[in-house]
Every structure is written in C-alpha cells, then in structure tokens.
Amino acid sequence: MKLLFCLLVFVVVSGFQCSSDYFYSDPNDPGLSEFSDHGYQQVSSYINDDPWVGASQAYSHFNLASDSFYTYSQYIWLQATAAAQDTLHFSWSGRFGVTQSDFVYTYQWQSNNVVTLSIPVPKNFTIREFYALRGKRFPDAGTPVSISLGNGVADQSTTLDGTGKIYLVSIKTMGEASEFQMTGLYEGNIGDSIHITKGRFDSRFYTYEHNLPD
C-alpha cells in the first residue's frame, strides 16, 4: 500500500464529527481520524482492516531514573542501550473501534492497547537532533524501524514485535523548546497475520511525555 509515503494534502477540516478529544473522522477511511497538522491529539490506523484509534486511557511506563512507574496515553522514550546506538520509542495508547462498545474482540492480542514504533539513534541524542528528524522517512540506510503491539513498557509479557515504517512529516515547537507538536504516518507488519496500515498521528507532547535531553 502506497499511502504511507505518498504526500497527503492538508485539509481544513469542517463539518465532520468532533468529540471532546478532537476526533475528526476521515470521510475516505471510515473509523480513522482525518490526517491533520493542528495538534488535535489524534492517532489511528487499521489493524487487519479494523479501526484502531487513540484513547485517553493511559498505560504504564517505567522510569529508569527513579525506578518508578508513570501512566501516559502517549510517550516518546529515549532508551540507553549497551549497543553502538540507543533506541527512540514512539508510543500511543488506543483501542479497537471508534467507541469502546463497537468492537467485538476475537483474539487475545486485540486486548493489547499500545502501539510503539522504535528507531535506533546515535549516542548522546538530544532534543535538537530530534527536531532535525522533521521530514525524515524510516527505514533508511542503517536505520530500521520496529513496531510492536503491547501493553506498555511496564508489561512486556504480551508484546508482539514486527517491522514498520514511519514518516515524521512535521515536528515543531509549541512555545518552549521541550514541548512540541508532531505529525506523521506509519504502518507495519507483525509476522504474517497482523497488518497495521494507514496509520497517522497528530500529537502534542509536553515535557512530562518525553525524556529527550536538552
């Protein structure tokens, strides 16, 4: 499917359904959010052709610095590793179905509520280098992308891993250098049976929703 790496036209959305979390339905892809660049806090995709949308429910994230757990509905986590490169994780909490009650679970993995995309980054990676990723598409030479469907960093027992693609269309500050809005596209496959397609996100990240150093 060519959606991920085709340029999309930004649309001024009007007349579509809007809820308190700014879910603007895409008229061309029922159940998904409109692709936007307004910080609407939207994330959605199809997983095996079923809509999966961002949810306000939070998942647990383990803070290695303080040995404690925090809960977020989204998080960007820079993970130090013993390898030549560190890992940058982009995570969103969500659910199947536009509303909690309009999806019938068939498989155990469908209860996993966190989609994470991960890319390798250089050691001593900073928020300035993160901003330089604007407009980048991964994978590229030497930068593979992994994608997972799980229940957050705090619970790895049910996590399913595969390979993905991510296009960071826009990254821009929101007044403070450590707070930003990020828009992009993603897709991926987990084995031969789980296919994530037409993913898009339009998210605002505040200082407590990432650990990128200055």
Protein backbone atom coordinates (compact mmCIF):
# COMPACT_ATOMS: atom_id res chain seq x y z
CA MET A 1 0.00 0.00 0.00
CA LYS A 2 1.39 3.35 -1.06
CA LEU A 3 -0.38 5.54 1.47
CA LEU A 4 2.50 5.92 3.90
CA PHE A 5 4.94 7.52 1.52
CA CYS A 6 2.54 9.45 -0.70
CA LEU A 7 2.29 13.11 0.09
CA LEU A 8 -1.08 13.95 1.60
CA VAL A 9 -2.84 17.22 1.13
CA PHE A 10 -3.51 19.04 4.41
CA VAL A 11 -7.21 19.74 4.68
CA VAL A 12 -9.00 22.33 6.75
CA VAL A 13 -11.49 20.04 8.39
CA SER A 14 -15.06 21.21 8.80
CA GLY A 15 -18.42 19.55 9.07
CA PHE A 16 -17.10 16.22 10.33
CA GLN A 17 -17.90 14.58 13.64
CA CYS A 18 -15.91 16.05 16.50
CA SER A 19 -15.74 14.77 20.05
CA SER A 20 -14.03 16.17 23.11
CA ASP A 21 -10.71 14.65 22.06
CA TYR A 22 -10.90 16.27 18.60
CA PHE A 23 -11.61 13.06 16.69
CA TYR A 24 -12.33 14.27 13.17
CA SER A 25 -13.47 11.32 11.08
CA ASP A 26 -11.80 10.76 7.71
CA PRO A 27 -14.58 10.57 5.07
CA ASN A 28 -12.36 8.40 2.84
CA ASP A 29 -11.42 5.92 5.58
CA PRO A 30 -14.35 5.32 7.94
CA GLY A 31 -13.28 4.81 11.53
CA LEU A 32 -9.96 6.65 11.15
CA SER A 33 -9.12 10.21 12.08
CA GLU A 34 -8.53 12.82 9.39
CA PHE A 35 -4.85 13.37 8.68
CA SER A 36 -4.18 16.81 10.21
CA ASP A 37 -1.41 19.09 11.42
CA HIS A 38 -3.16 21.03 14.18
CA GLY A 39 -2.17 19.19 17.37
CA TYR A 40 -5.58 17.53 17.66
CA GLN A 41 -4.20 14.65 19.75
CA GLN A 42 -5.32 12.10 17.18
CA VAL A 43 -3.73 8.76 16.33
CA SER A 44 -5.37 5.98 14.35
CA SER A 45 -4.76 3.15 11.90
CA TYR A 46 -6.28 -0.03 10.58
CA ILE A 47 -5.10 -3.25 12.19
CA ASN A 48 -6.18 -6.14 10.00
CA ASP A 49 -8.73 -3.75 8.44
CA ASP A 50 -10.33 -2.93 11.82
CA PRO A 51 -10.10 0.70 13.03
CA TRP A 52 -7.71 1.29 15.94
CA VAL A 53 -7.88 4.77 17.49
CA GLY A 54 -6.06 6.64 20.23
CA ALA A 55 -7.71 6.52 23.62
CA SER A 56 -7.49 8.67 26.71
CA GLN A 57 -6.79 5.55 28.79
CA ALA A 58 -3.20 5.52 29.96
CA TYR A 59 -0.59 2.78 30.04
CA SER A 60 2.29 2.27 32.42
CA HIS A 61 5.77 3.49 31.57
CA PHE A 62 8.80 2.55 33.66
CA ASN A 63 11.04 5.48 34.57
CA LEU A 64 14.54 4.02 34.81
CA ALA A 65 15.94 7.14 36.50
CA SER A 66 13.61 6.97 39.50
CA ASP A 67 12.69 3.25 39.50
CA SER A 68 9.01 4.12 39.39
CA PHE A 69 6.00 3.80 37.12
CA TYR A 70 4.08 6.60 35.47
CA THR A 71 0.98 6.45 33.28
CA TYR A 72 0.57 8.19 29.95
CA SER A 73 -1.64 7.87 26.88
CA GLN A 74 1.41 8.70 24.74
CA TYR A 75 5.14 8.86 25.33
CA ILE A 76 8.44 9.34 23.49
CA TRP A 77 11.14 7.39 25.30
CA LEU A 78 14.87 7.61 24.61
CA GLN A 79 16.29 4.30 25.84
CA ALA A 80 20.00 3.98 26.56
CA THR A 81 21.41 0.63 25.42
CA ALA A 82 24.70 -1.25 25.60
CA ALA A 83 24.83 -1.32 21.79
CA ALA A 84 26.52 1.20 19.50
CA GLN A 85 23.26 3.16 19.25
CA ASP A 86 20.40 3.98 21.61
CA THR A 87 16.70 3.50 20.78
CA LEU A 88 13.95 6.08 20.38
CA HIS A 89 10.43 4.77 21.03
CA PHE A 90 7.17 6.46 19.95
CA SER A 91 4.19 5.01 21.87
CA TRP A 92 0.45 5.64 21.80
CA SER A 93 -2.34 4.04 23.80
CA GLY A 94 -5.51 3.15 21.91
CA ARG A 95 -8.31 0.68 21.32
CA PHE A 96 -10.16 -1.08 18.55
CA GLY A 97 -13.33 0.68 17.45
CA VAL A 98 -14.18 4.37 17.46
CA THR A 99 -16.12 3.82 20.68
CA GLN A 100 -15.38 1.35 23.46
CA SER A 101 -18.51 -0.70 22.76
CA ASP A 102 -18.49 -1.08 18.96
CA PHE A 103 -15.82 -3.79 18.64
CA VAL A 104 -16.03 -7.49 19.49
CA TYR A 105 -12.66 -9.00 20.47
CA THR A 106 -11.84 -12.25 18.68
CA TYR A 107 -8.17 -12.77 19.58
CA GLN A 108 -6.24 -12.26 22.80
CA TRP A 109 -3.74 -9.90 21.13
CA GLN A 110 -6.54 -7.46 20.33
CA SER A 111 -6.62 -6.51 24.02
CA ASN A 112 -3.10 -5.08 23.67
CA ASN A 113 -3.59 -1.33 23.79
CA VAL A 114 -0.22 0.27 22.95
CA VAL A 115 1.35 0.73 19.50
CA THR A 116 5.08 1.53 19.61
CA LEU A 117 7.44 2.39 16.76
CA SER A 118 11.18 2.31 17.52
CA ILE A 119 14.25 3.54 15.65
CA PRO A 120 17.98 3.49 16.51
CA VAL A 121 19.56 6.89 17.20
CA PRO A 122 23.14 7.99 17.97
CA LYS A 123 24.53 8.05 21.49
CA ASN A 124 24.09 11.40 23.28
CA PHE A 125 20.95 12.08 21.23
CA THR A 126 19.28 15.39 22.19
CA ILE A 127 16.03 17.19 21.52
CA ARG A 128 17.83 19.37 18.97
CA GLU A 129 18.72 16.26 16.96
CA PHE A 130 15.13 15.09 17.39
CA TYR A 131 13.86 18.27 15.71
CA ALA A 132 16.25 17.55 12.83
CA LEU A 133 14.23 14.37 12.10
CA ARG A 134 11.42 16.51 10.66
CA GLY A 135 10.59 15.35 7.15
CA LYS A 136 12.54 12.10 7.55
CA ARG A 137 11.20 8.72 6.44
CA PHE A 138 12.33 5.50 8.05
CA PRO A 139 13.61 2.90 7.43
CA ASP A 140 16.53 4.33 5.55
CA ALA A 141 20.13 3.15 5.22
CA GLY A 142 21.23 1.87 8.63
CA THR A 143 18.01 2.87 10.40
CA PRO A 144 15.47 0.04 10.61
CA VAL A 145 12.08 0.51 12.24
CA SER A 146 10.47 -1.96 14.62
CA ILE A 147 6.78 -1.87 15.51
CA SER A 148 5.09 -3.54 18.44
CA LEU A 149 1.61 -4.07 19.81
CA GLY A 150 1.63 -4.50 23.56
CA ASN A 151 0.61 -3.07 26.91
CA GLY A 152 3.38 -0.56 27.51
CA VAL A 153 6.96 -0.64 28.69
CA ALA A 154 5.91 -1.86 32.12
CA ASP A 155 4.43 -5.11 30.78
CA GLN A 156 6.44 -6.88 28.08
CA SER A 157 4.87 -10.32 28.57
CA THR A 158 2.22 -9.90 25.85
CA THR A 159 4.16 -7.69 23.43
CA LEU A 160 4.19 -8.71 19.76
CA ASP A 161 7.02 -7.34 17.56
CA GLY A 162 7.41 -6.75 13.84
CA THR A 163 8.85 -4.33 11.28
CA GLY A 164 7.45 -0.93 10.39
CA LYS A 165 7.76 2.37 8.57
CA ILE A 166 7.36 5.89 9.93
CA TYR A 167 7.31 9.28 8.20
CA LEU A 168 7.84 12.25 10.54
CA VAL A 169 6.05 14.84 8.41
CA SER A 170 6.28 17.72 10.86
CA ILE A 171 7.88 18.47 14.23
CA LYS A 172 7.53 22.00 15.63
CA THR A 173 7.86 23.67 18.98
CA MET A 174 4.90 24.92 20.99
CA GLY A 175 6.49 27.91 22.67
CA GLU A 176 9.04 26.02 24.78
CA ALA A 177 11.87 24.04 23.21
CA SER A 178 10.93 20.97 25.25
CA GLU A 179 7.27 20.96 24.12
CA PHE A 180 6.35 20.15 20.55
CA GLN A 181 3.70 19.06 18.07
CA MET A 182 4.46 16.03 15.87
CA THR A 183 2.56 14.86 12.79
CA GLY A 184 3.27 11.77 10.74
CA LEU A 185 2.33 8.48 9.12
CA TYR A 186 3.15 4.87 9.95
CA GLU A 187 2.49 1.25 9.02
CA GLY A 188 3.90 -2.18 9.78
CA ASN A 189 3.57 -5.94 9.88
CA ILE A 190 3.82 -8.26 12.86
CA GLY A 191 4.55 -11.69 11.48
CA ASP A 192 2.29 -12.82 8.66
CA SER A 193 -1.00 -12.27 10.43
CA ILE A 194 -1.11 -8.72 11.89
CA HIS A 195 -1.01 -5.85 9.41
CA ILE A 196 -1.05 -2.20 10.52
CA THR A 197 -1.99 0.16 7.69
CA LYS A 198 -2.86 3.80 7.03
CA GLY A 199 -1.53 4.91 10.43
CA ARG A 200 -1.48 8.64 11.13
CA PHE A 201 -0.82 10.81 14.18
CA ASP A 202 -1.20 14.47 15.10
CA SER A 203 0.08 14.79 18.66
CA ARG A 204 1.21 17.42 21.15
CA PHE A 205 3.96 16.33 23.55
CA TYR A 206 4.60 18.17 26.80
CA THR A 207 7.73 17.91 28.95
CA TYR A 208 6.30 15.06 31.04
CA GLU A 209 5.51 12.99 27.92
CA HIS A 210 9.10 12.50 26.75
CA ASN A 211 12.60 12.17 28.21
CA LEU A 212 14.60 13.86 25.44
CA PRO A 213 17.54 15.78 26.94
CA ASP A 214 18.31 19.39 26.00
